[in-house]
Structure formats: C-alpha cells, structure tokens
C-alpha cells in the first residue's frame, strides 16, 4: 500500500512542479465562484427548475448541474484547505454549499434510479419493451401481503442465473413469473420514484427561491472577487494539505474488505441484502466514504494543477467504479422499499425481489472493478 501511495502521488505531482502558494487556492475558488454565478444567471434566464415533470429545459438542467458542480468543488476545497482560509467564514459557508449541492442532486438521482431499475427489469424479464407506467392497478390484491424478505428469498436462486448470463439470456423455469410481475413492478417503481422526483423538484425550487440560498449566492458573489485567505496563506504551500487528503483516501481504501471484493460476487453481502431491516446496507457505508474521499482528492489536484490536473487512468476508473457502486446500492434499496408496499401481488413482489438481488450483484461487481483498478498487482490478495 505504501508503494501504491507513492505511485499515486508521483502521477499527481508530475516532474519539477513549480512553487505553489495559497494564491493557487484563491485563484481556483474565484474561478469556481465565477462558474457558480454564471450557472445561476443561466438558471434565472431559463426560468425553470432543475429538471423533471415541471418541464425544465435542457438549459435549466445544465444550469442546475453546473450549480451542483461548482458548489461541490468550493465546499470540498474549503474542507481540504481550511487552514489557509479564514476559519469563521469557511465554517459558515461550507455546510450551506453542501446543503445546496445535495438538494439539487436529489431530483436527478430519482430520475437516474428509475431509469436504471426499469432497464434492469427489461433485461431480467426478457420483455420486448421497457416496463413503464400503464395507468393500471399495480397489482394490489386484498388479503395478500408479501414482505420484501419473502420476495427476495424466493428470487435468489433465479437471480444467480439471470445476472450471470446477460449477454445470451436463456429461458428459465421462473422466467414466466418474472415477466408477469415485471410490468406491474415497473409501474409501481415508476409511481414511487416519479413522486419522489416531483417532491425533490419542488424542494429544489423552494430552496433556490429561499433567503437561505440568496445568502449563499451573496457569499459566493463576494468570493468571485475576494477570497478570505488566512494571513499566512500567501507564503504557505498547499501541497501538504492535498497530500493529507490523499493519505486519508489511501487509509480508507486500506480498510476496505478488498479480499472479499476480489471475488465478483460476495455471497455474504447478498445475505445481508435480504434482511427485512430498511436501514442502509451495513457493508456499503465504507465504500461510499471512499467515494467521497476520492472526490476530495480529485478536487485537491484541481486546485494544484487547474484543468490540467493529471488524474490518471487508474484514478478515473476507480471513481467510475465507485459511482456505479453508489448507483446500484441506491437502486437496490429502492427495489426493496417497493417490495415492502402492502398488498402487492406475489408476482410483483417476486419481480422486485429478483431486481433487488440483481442490483446487489451489480454492487459487488462494482467493488470487484474498483479492486482491479486500484490494485492491479495484487488481485485476489488485497488488504484487510
């Protein structure tokens, strides 16, 4: 792991890096603040919300994405390089920027989750069309209450076959039942996630019109011209702070169960996934934390190197694997939540159970991909 740490540092630092001071951080923050204000102006010109059923235009979607992007980068930089900034100011604005980016991300997350789940249902059921909302009843059956545990347990055997033969799916004895329930499961997911997206859309609109947001925008407007650096920042090298962010990342990766992730499918994790407990999956949190730390490391490199930050193929592929891990984990949770809907038909619950197990397999495949990209020399051994 020490050698791996040096490899990552060397790829980031590059040859003969020139002297760097806190002015590099100030320039980066001014640039991101300018991007934030440009996106805000575009959003106001379009007159729409971020996206969704409210009818947001493509420009409005782009504006919301740019707002999230800039807010994330400013907030992350304030966290990583906080010793170089005025502490009172940075601690006041950083959580507000995190609130804004998180609020604006909810609607897109619901939309992406729905697309992912409907495409997975289409693939697993072998249907000729992607399941969509048909306006019919979702399969409620009086007196029939099937829990998520029963549904997913019944689906486990079928899932192993359907998820490992995606390139050339063959009919199985349970394919008929899955096809029957897939349309109703898709309609149920469509209704639940569309409702969640609509609520997220309303929440985003309310946030963008609130006094809280206007206070954040005012602070960012000031940041575009004047960065409140600490008195010693002009002569302080920020690279040790960036190296500390990298160290936190490598330490978090070292704590991951990479031996388990060395296998494409983690049966132990799947067993946990069948639990009726609606709490987040116990194995997912450390991986989500690594994803956040990887993002902080990337943004720290942007501060030091600007748009030419040498991220490297391994860093990019690792980030993509962790993004897939997050998406599949949240999709599995949405399928499990839908399977807990009271009085759904057994075929619908069965399809949702297969879908849940399929997404948990995708979680494990993403962990395996991360392990391969992060430690190419030690596949199958890992660290614990």
Protein backbone atom coordinates (compact mmCIF):
# COMPACT_ATOMS: atom_id res chain seq x y z
CA UNK A 1 0.00 0.00 0.00
CA UNK A 2 2.94 2.32 0.66
CA UNK A 3 4.22 1.74 -2.88
CA UNK A 4 0.71 2.34 -4.20
CA UNK A 5 0.54 5.62 -2.29
CA UNK A 6 3.83 6.80 -3.82
CA UNK A 7 2.69 5.80 -7.31
CA UNK A 8 -0.48 7.84 -6.95
CA UNK A 9 1.44 10.83 -5.56
CA UNK A 10 4.02 10.72 -8.32
CA UNK A 11 1.35 10.61 -11.02
CA UNK A 12 -0.34 13.63 -9.46
CA UNK A 13 2.75 15.73 -8.78
CA UNK A 14 4.42 15.42 -12.17
CA UNK A 15 8.02 16.41 -12.96
CA UNK A 16 9.59 19.50 -11.39
CA UNK A 17 6.40 21.07 -10.04
CA UNK A 18 6.81 24.86 -9.64
CA UNK A 19 6.41 26.53 -6.23
CA UNK A 20 2.78 26.71 -5.13
CA UNK A 21 1.24 29.02 -2.52
CA UNK A 22 -2.19 29.81 -1.18
CA UNK A 23 -2.75 32.04 -4.20
CA UNK A 24 -3.39 28.89 -6.22
CA UNK A 25 -6.29 28.11 -3.89
CA UNK A 26 -7.56 31.68 -4.18
CA UNK A 27 -7.48 31.53 -7.97
CA UNK A 28 -9.30 28.19 -8.01
CA UNK A 29 -12.02 29.43 -5.66
CA UNK A 30 -12.51 32.61 -7.69
CA UNK A 31 -12.88 30.52 -10.83
CA UNK A 32 -15.43 28.18 -9.26
CA UNK A 33 -17.37 31.12 -7.81
CA UNK A 34 -17.50 32.67 -11.28
CA UNK A 35 -18.82 29.39 -12.71
CA UNK A 36 -21.44 29.30 -9.95
CA UNK A 37 -22.64 32.82 -10.77
CA UNK A 38 -22.70 32.05 -14.50
CA UNK A 39 -24.83 28.96 -13.86
CA UNK A 40 -27.13 30.93 -11.58
CA UNK A 41 -27.65 33.56 -14.26
CA UNK A 42 -28.43 30.83 -16.82
CA UNK A 43 -30.90 29.27 -14.40
CA UNK A 44 -32.70 32.58 -13.94
CA UNK A 45 -32.79 33.21 -17.68
CA UNK A 46 -34.39 29.83 -18.39
CA UNK A 47 -36.97 30.48 -15.69
CA UNK A 48 -37.31 26.78 -14.91
CA UNK A 49 -36.39 24.34 -12.20
CA UNK A 50 -33.54 21.89 -12.37
CA UNK A 51 -35.48 19.34 -14.48
CA UNK A 52 -38.28 16.85 -14.17
CA UNK A 53 -42.02 16.79 -14.61
CA UNK A 54 -42.20 20.54 -14.11
CA UNK A 55 -40.92 20.95 -17.64
CA UNK A 56 -37.35 22.11 -17.12
CA UNK A 57 -35.49 22.83 -20.38
CA UNK A 58 -32.13 21.40 -21.34
CA UNK A 59 -30.53 24.73 -20.41
CA UNK A 60 -32.17 24.59 -16.98
CA UNK A 61 -30.83 21.06 -16.47
CA UNK A 62 -27.35 22.20 -17.49
CA UNK A 63 -27.60 25.20 -15.16
CA UNK A 64 -28.58 23.03 -12.19
CA UNK A 65 -25.76 20.62 -12.94
CA UNK A 66 -23.25 23.48 -13.14
CA UNK A 67 -24.52 24.89 -9.84
CA UNK A 68 -24.03 21.50 -8.17
CA UNK A 69 -20.61 21.11 -9.72
CA UNK A 70 -19.31 24.47 -8.54
CA UNK A 71 -20.89 24.20 -5.09
CA UNK A 72 -19.28 20.75 -4.56
CA UNK A 73 -15.86 21.97 -5.58
CA UNK A 74 -15.95 25.11 -3.46
CA UNK A 75 -17.21 23.17 -0.43
CA UNK A 76 -14.60 20.41 -0.90
CA UNK A 77 -11.77 22.92 -1.26
CA UNK A 78 -12.85 24.75 1.88
CA UNK A 79 -12.69 21.42 3.70
CA UNK A 80 -9.32 20.27 2.39
CA UNK A 81 -7.55 23.62 2.62
CA UNK A 82 -9.33 25.10 5.63
CA UNK A 83 -6.03 26.03 7.44
CA UNK A 84 -5.37 28.52 4.61
CA UNK A 85 -8.74 30.26 4.95
CA UNK A 86 -10.46 32.49 7.43
CA UNK A 87 -11.93 29.84 9.79
CA UNK A 88 -15.13 31.66 10.70
CA UNK A 89 -16.04 32.39 7.11
CA UNK A 90 -15.24 28.94 5.75
CA UNK A 91 -17.08 27.09 8.52
CA UNK A 92 -20.13 29.25 7.88
CA UNK A 93 -20.39 28.81 4.13
CA UNK A 94 -19.16 25.23 3.70
CA UNK A 95 -22.22 23.44 5.16
CA UNK A 96 -24.51 25.77 3.20
CA UNK A 97 -22.84 24.80 -0.05
CA UNK A 98 -23.11 21.12 0.89
CA UNK A 99 -26.84 21.64 1.59
CA UNK A 100 -27.32 23.30 -1.80
CA UNK A 101 -25.49 20.68 -3.85
CA UNK A 102 -27.26 17.86 -2.01
CA UNK A 103 -30.68 19.43 -2.53
CA UNK A 104 -30.10 19.99 -6.24
CA UNK A 105 -28.85 16.41 -6.70
CA UNK A 106 -31.98 14.70 -5.36
CA UNK A 107 -34.15 15.08 -8.43
CA UNK A 108 -31.51 13.83 -10.84
CA UNK A 109 -30.83 10.89 -8.51
CA UNK A 110 -34.51 9.83 -8.53
CA UNK A 111 -34.67 10.06 -12.32
CA UNK A 112 -31.46 8.08 -12.83
CA UNK A 113 -32.56 5.46 -10.30
CA UNK A 114 -35.85 4.91 -12.09
CA UNK A 115 -34.14 4.57 -15.47
CA UNK A 116 -31.67 2.08 -14.04
CA UNK A 117 -34.35 -0.08 -12.43
CA UNK A 118 -36.65 -0.11 -15.47
CA UNK A 119 -33.77 -1.10 -17.75
CA UNK A 120 -32.78 -3.86 -15.33
CA UNK A 121 -36.36 -5.16 -15.26
CA UNK A 122 -36.38 -5.14 -19.05
CA UNK A 123 -33.14 -7.10 -19.17
CA UNK A 124 -34.10 -9.63 -16.50
CA UNK A 125 -37.60 -10.35 -17.79
CA UNK A 126 -36.68 -10.58 -21.46
CA UNK A 127 -39.57 -8.22 -22.28
CA UNK A 128 -39.69 -6.62 -25.73
CA UNK A 129 -40.39 -3.17 -24.24
CA UNK A 130 -39.15 -1.44 -21.13
CA UNK A 131 -41.77 -1.60 -18.33
CA UNK A 132 -43.48 1.78 -17.95
CA UNK A 133 -46.40 3.31 -16.13
CA UNK A 134 -49.55 1.98 -17.83
CA UNK A 135 -52.14 3.63 -15.64
CA UNK A 136 -53.46 0.26 -14.48
CA UNK A 137 -53.56 -1.05 -10.94
CA UNK A 138 -50.11 -2.06 -9.70
CA UNK A 139 -51.30 -5.45 -8.68
CA UNK A 140 -52.74 -4.89 -5.23
CA UNK A 141 -54.50 -7.96 -4.01
CA UNK A 142 -56.71 -7.79 -0.94
CA UNK A 143 -55.54 -10.10 1.78
CA UNK A 144 -52.15 -10.73 0.12
CA UNK A 145 -49.22 -9.18 1.95
CA UNK A 146 -45.78 -10.26 0.80
CA UNK A 147 -42.74 -8.90 2.64
CA UNK A 148 -39.52 -7.91 0.94
CA UNK A 149 -37.74 -10.73 2.74
CA UNK A 150 -40.03 -13.43 1.38
CA UNK A 151 -39.91 -11.96 -2.11
CA UNK A 152 -36.16 -11.62 -2.32
CA UNK A 153 -35.54 -15.01 -0.71
CA UNK A 154 -37.75 -16.66 -3.30
CA UNK A 155 -35.87 -14.88 -6.07
CA UNK A 156 -32.31 -15.66 -5.01
CA UNK A 157 -31.97 -18.92 -6.97
CA UNK A 158 -33.30 -17.39 -10.17
CA UNK A 159 -31.13 -14.30 -9.84
CA UNK A 160 -27.85 -16.18 -9.98
CA UNK A 161 -28.80 -17.50 -13.42
CA UNK A 162 -30.27 -14.30 -14.83
CA UNK A 163 -27.48 -11.98 -13.73
CA UNK A 164 -24.58 -14.12 -14.93
CA UNK A 165 -25.96 -14.75 -18.44
CA UNK A 166 -26.75 -11.22 -19.60
CA UNK A 167 -25.11 -11.47 -22.97
CA UNK A 168 -27.13 -14.52 -24.03
CA UNK A 169 -30.14 -14.92 -21.73
CA UNK A 170 -31.91 -18.26 -21.85
CA UNK A 171 -35.39 -19.05 -20.58
CA UNK A 172 -35.54 -20.43 -17.06
CA UNK A 173 -38.45 -22.10 -15.23
CA UNK A 174 -39.09 -18.81 -13.39
CA UNK A 175 -38.90 -16.54 -16.46
CA UNK A 176 -42.67 -16.58 -16.97
CA UNK A 177 -43.40 -15.44 -13.42
CA UNK A 178 -40.78 -12.71 -13.70
CA UNK A 179 -42.25 -11.44 -16.97
CA UNK A 180 -45.74 -11.34 -15.47
CA UNK A 181 -44.62 -9.32 -12.48
CA UNK A 182 -42.13 -7.07 -14.29
CA UNK A 183 -44.71 -4.74 -15.83
CA UNK A 184 -46.51 -4.19 -12.53
CA UNK A 185 -43.23 -3.86 -10.67
CA UNK A 186 -42.13 -1.27 -13.22
CA UNK A 187 -45.39 0.62 -12.81
CA UNK A 188 -45.02 0.60 -9.02
CA UNK A 189 -41.43 1.83 -9.21
CA UNK A 190 -42.43 4.45 -11.76
CA UNK A 191 -45.15 5.79 -9.49
CA UNK A 192 -43.00 5.82 -6.34
CA UNK A 193 -39.87 7.31 -7.87
CA UNK A 194 -41.78 9.81 -10.01
CA UNK A 195 -43.49 11.01 -6.84
CA UNK A 196 -40.11 11.25 -5.12
CA UNK A 197 -38.69 13.14 -8.09
CA UNK A 198 -41.62 15.56 -8.11
CA UNK A 199 -41.12 16.24 -4.42
CA UNK A 200 -37.39 16.73 -4.98
CA UNK A 201 -38.18 19.13 -7.81
CA UNK A 202 -40.44 21.17 -5.55
CA UNK A 203 -37.85 21.12 -2.79
CA UNK A 204 -35.18 22.38 -5.20
CA UNK A 205 -37.41 25.18 -6.45
CA UNK A 206 -38.20 26.23 -2.89
CA UNK A 207 -34.51 26.11 -1.98
CA UNK A 208 -33.49 28.25 -4.96
CA UNK A 209 -36.08 30.85 -4.00
CA UNK A 210 -35.31 30.88 -0.29
CA UNK A 211 -33.48 33.51 1.71
CA UNK A 212 -31.02 30.79 2.71
CA UNK A 213 -29.99 30.31 -0.92
CA UNK A 214 -29.77 34.04 -1.56
CA UNK A 215 -27.42 34.34 1.42
CA UNK A 216 -25.21 31.61 -0.08
CA UNK A 217 -25.28 33.26 -3.50
CA UNK A 218 -24.26 36.59 -1.95
CA UNK A 219 -21.28 34.98 -0.23
CA UNK A 220 -20.24 33.25 -3.47
CA UNK A 221 -20.52 36.57 -5.33
CA UNK A 222 -18.07 38.11 -2.87
CA UNK A 223 -15.83 35.05 -3.24
CA UNK A 224 -15.60 35.65 -7.00
CA UNK A 225 -13.61 38.81 -6.34
CA UNK A 226 -12.17 38.42 -2.85
CA UNK A 227 -11.08 35.18 -1.15
CA UNK A 228 -10.74 35.48 2.65
CA UNK A 229 -7.37 33.78 2.99
CA UNK A 230 -5.63 33.42 6.32
CA UNK A 231 -2.74 35.90 6.86
CA UNK A 232 -0.06 33.25 6.33
CA UNK A 233 -1.67 31.70 3.21
CA UNK A 234 0.29 33.81 0.72
CA UNK A 235 3.54 32.11 1.78
CA UNK A 236 2.17 28.65 2.63
CA UNK A 237 2.49 25.65 0.32
CA UNK A 238 -0.93 23.93 -0.01
CA UNK A 239 0.55 20.68 -1.28
CA UNK A 240 0.95 19.10 2.17
CA UNK A 241 -2.79 19.63 2.72
CA UNK A 242 -3.52 17.98 -0.63
CA UNK A 243 -1.19 15.13 0.34
CA UNK A 244 -3.11 14.74 3.61
CA UNK A 245 -6.33 14.36 1.61
CA UNK A 246 -4.66 11.66 -0.46
CA UNK A 247 -3.43 9.95 2.70
CA UNK A 248 -6.95 9.83 4.10
CA UNK A 249 -8.08 8.24 0.86
CA UNK A 250 -5.39 5.55 0.85
CA UNK A 251 -6.05 4.77 4.51
CA UNK A 252 -9.78 4.37 3.82
CA UNK A 253 -9.06 2.10 0.85
CA UNK A 254 -6.72 0.02 3.02
CA UNK A 255 -9.59 -0.52 5.47
CA UNK A 256 -11.92 -1.87 2.77
CA UNK A 257 -12.50 -5.64 2.61
CA UNK A 258 -10.65 -5.98 -0.69
CA UNK A 259 -10.12 -9.69 -0.15
CA UNK A 260 -13.88 -10.12 -0.37
CA UNK A 261 -14.06 -7.69 -3.28
CA UNK A 262 -11.55 -9.90 -5.06
CA UNK A 263 -14.46 -12.21 -5.86
CA UNK A 264 -17.01 -10.98 -8.43
CA UNK A 265 -19.97 -11.78 -6.18
CA UNK A 266 -19.98 -11.52 -2.42
CA UNK A 267 -22.47 -14.06 -1.09
CA UNK A 268 -22.15 -12.72 2.45
CA UNK A 269 -23.22 -9.26 1.30
CA UNK A 270 -26.17 -10.72 -0.61
CA UNK A 271 -27.37 -12.46 2.56
CA UNK A 272 -27.28 -9.12 4.37
CA UNK A 273 -29.17 -7.63 1.46
CA UNK A 274 -32.09 -9.96 2.05
CA UNK A 275 -32.62 -8.60 5.55
CA UNK A 276 -36.06 -7.06 6.20
CA UNK A 277 -34.36 -4.19 8.02
CA UNK A 278 -34.92 -1.00 5.96
CA UNK A 279 -31.72 0.56 7.31
CA UNK A 280 -28.86 1.18 4.83
CA UNK A 281 -26.83 -1.87 3.86
CA UNK A 282 -24.12 -2.42 6.52
CA UNK A 283 -21.34 -3.05 4.01
CA UNK A 284 -21.98 -0.01 1.81
CA UNK A 285 -21.01 2.88 4.11
CA UNK A 286 -17.19 2.42 3.92
CA UNK A 287 -17.36 2.32 0.13
CA UNK A 288 -19.46 5.48 -0.01
CA UNK A 289 -16.90 7.14 2.27
CA UNK A 290 -14.06 6.13 -0.06
CA UNK A 291 -16.00 7.65 -2.96
CA UNK A 292 -16.28 10.96 -1.10
CA UNK A 293 -12.58 10.91 -0.18
CA UNK A 294 -11.64 10.14 -3.78
CA UNK A 295 -13.66 13.16 -4.87
CA UNK A 296 -11.87 15.36 -2.31
CA UNK A 297 -8.54 14.09 -3.62
CA UNK A 298 -9.51 14.87 -7.22
CA UNK A 299 -10.60 18.39 -6.35
CA UNK A 300 -7.39 18.97 -4.41
CA UNK A 301 -5.45 18.04 -7.56
CA UNK A 302 -7.56 20.54 -9.50
CA UNK A 303 -6.56 23.25 -7.02
CA UNK A 304 -2.88 22.48 -7.54
CA UNK A 305 -2.92 21.87 -11.29
CA UNK A 306 -6.08 23.51 -12.63
CA UNK A 307 -7.80 21.99 -15.66
CA UNK A 308 -4.61 20.07 -16.46
CA UNK A 309 -4.75 18.01 -13.25
CA UNK A 310 -3.13 14.63 -14.09
CA UNK A 311 -5.78 12.35 -12.64
CA UNK A 312 -4.51 9.20 -14.34
CA UNK A 313 -6.44 6.27 -15.79
CA UNK A 314 -6.47 4.36 -12.50
CA UNK A 315 -7.96 7.25 -10.56
CA UNK A 316 -10.66 7.84 -13.17
CA UNK A 317 -11.60 4.16 -13.47
CA UNK A 318 -11.70 3.81 -9.68
CA UNK A 319 -14.05 6.79 -9.47
CA UNK A 320 -16.31 5.34 -12.15
CA UNK A 321 -16.48 2.03 -10.30
CA UNK A 322 -17.46 3.79 -7.07
CA UNK A 323 -20.12 5.79 -8.90
CA UNK A 324 -21.60 2.53 -10.20
CA UNK A 325 -21.41 1.12 -6.69
CA UNK A 326 -23.39 4.06 -5.30
CA UNK A 327 -25.99 3.90 -8.08
CA UNK A 328 -26.54 0.15 -7.74
CA UNK A 329 -26.71 0.33 -3.95
CA UNK A 330 -29.37 3.04 -4.02
CA UNK A 331 -31.30 1.24 -6.76
CA UNK A 332 -31.33 -1.96 -4.69
CA UNK A 333 -32.67 0.00 -1.72
CA UNK A 334 -35.44 1.46 -3.90
CA UNK A 335 -36.42 -2.02 -5.11
CA UNK A 336 -36.52 -3.31 -1.53
CA UNK A 337 -38.63 -0.32 -0.48
CA UNK A 338 -41.10 -1.02 -3.28
CA UNK A 339 -41.27 -4.70 -2.29
CA UNK A 340 -42.43 -3.62 1.18
CA UNK A 341 -45.55 -1.99 -0.31
CA UNK A 342 -48.60 -3.58 1.39
CA UNK A 343 -50.87 -5.95 -0.53
CA UNK A 344 -48.88 -6.19 -3.75
CA UNK A 345 -49.39 -9.29 -5.88
CA UNK A 346 -46.96 -12.19 -5.39
CA UNK A 347 -45.68 -11.90 -8.98
CA UNK A 348 -44.92 -8.23 -8.44
CA UNK A 349 -43.09 -8.94 -5.19
CA UNK A 350 -41.16 -11.73 -6.89
CA UNK A 351 -40.02 -9.44 -9.72
CA UNK A 352 -38.94 -6.80 -7.22
CA UNK A 353 -37.02 -9.45 -5.27
CA UNK A 354 -35.15 -10.54 -8.40
CA UNK A 355 -34.48 -6.89 -9.20
CA UNK A 356 -33.14 -6.22 -5.71
CA UNK A 357 -30.79 -9.20 -5.83
CA UNK A 358 -29.65 -8.21 -9.33
CA UNK A 359 -28.69 -4.73 -8.14
CA UNK A 360 -26.83 -6.15 -5.14
CA UNK A 361 -24.87 -8.28 -7.60
CA UNK A 362 -24.11 -5.08 -9.50
CA UNK A 363 -22.83 -3.60 -6.24
CA UNK A 364 -20.42 -6.49 -5.85
CA UNK A 365 -19.33 -6.27 -9.49
CA UNK A 366 -18.54 -2.56 -8.97
CA UNK A 367 -16.45 -3.41 -5.89
CA UNK A 368 -14.61 -6.01 -7.91
CA UNK A 369 -13.96 -3.45 -10.68
CA UNK A 370 -12.66 -0.95 -8.13
CA UNK A 371 -10.34 -3.57 -6.66
CA UNK A 372 -8.94 -4.39 -10.09
CA UNK A 373 -8.35 -0.75 -10.99
CA UNK A 374 -6.85 0.18 -7.61
CA UNK A 375 -4.54 -2.79 -7.05
CA UNK A 376 -3.76 -4.37 -10.39
CA UNK A 377 -0.71 -6.14 -8.99
CA UNK A 378 -2.49 -7.86 -6.11
CA UNK A 379 -5.77 -9.26 -7.42
CA UNK A 380 -7.02 -11.96 -5.11
CA UNK A 381 -4.89 -10.89 -2.14
CA UNK A 382 -5.94 -7.32 -1.31
CA UNK A 383 -5.60 -5.82 2.15
CA UNK A 384 -7.75 -6.02 5.21
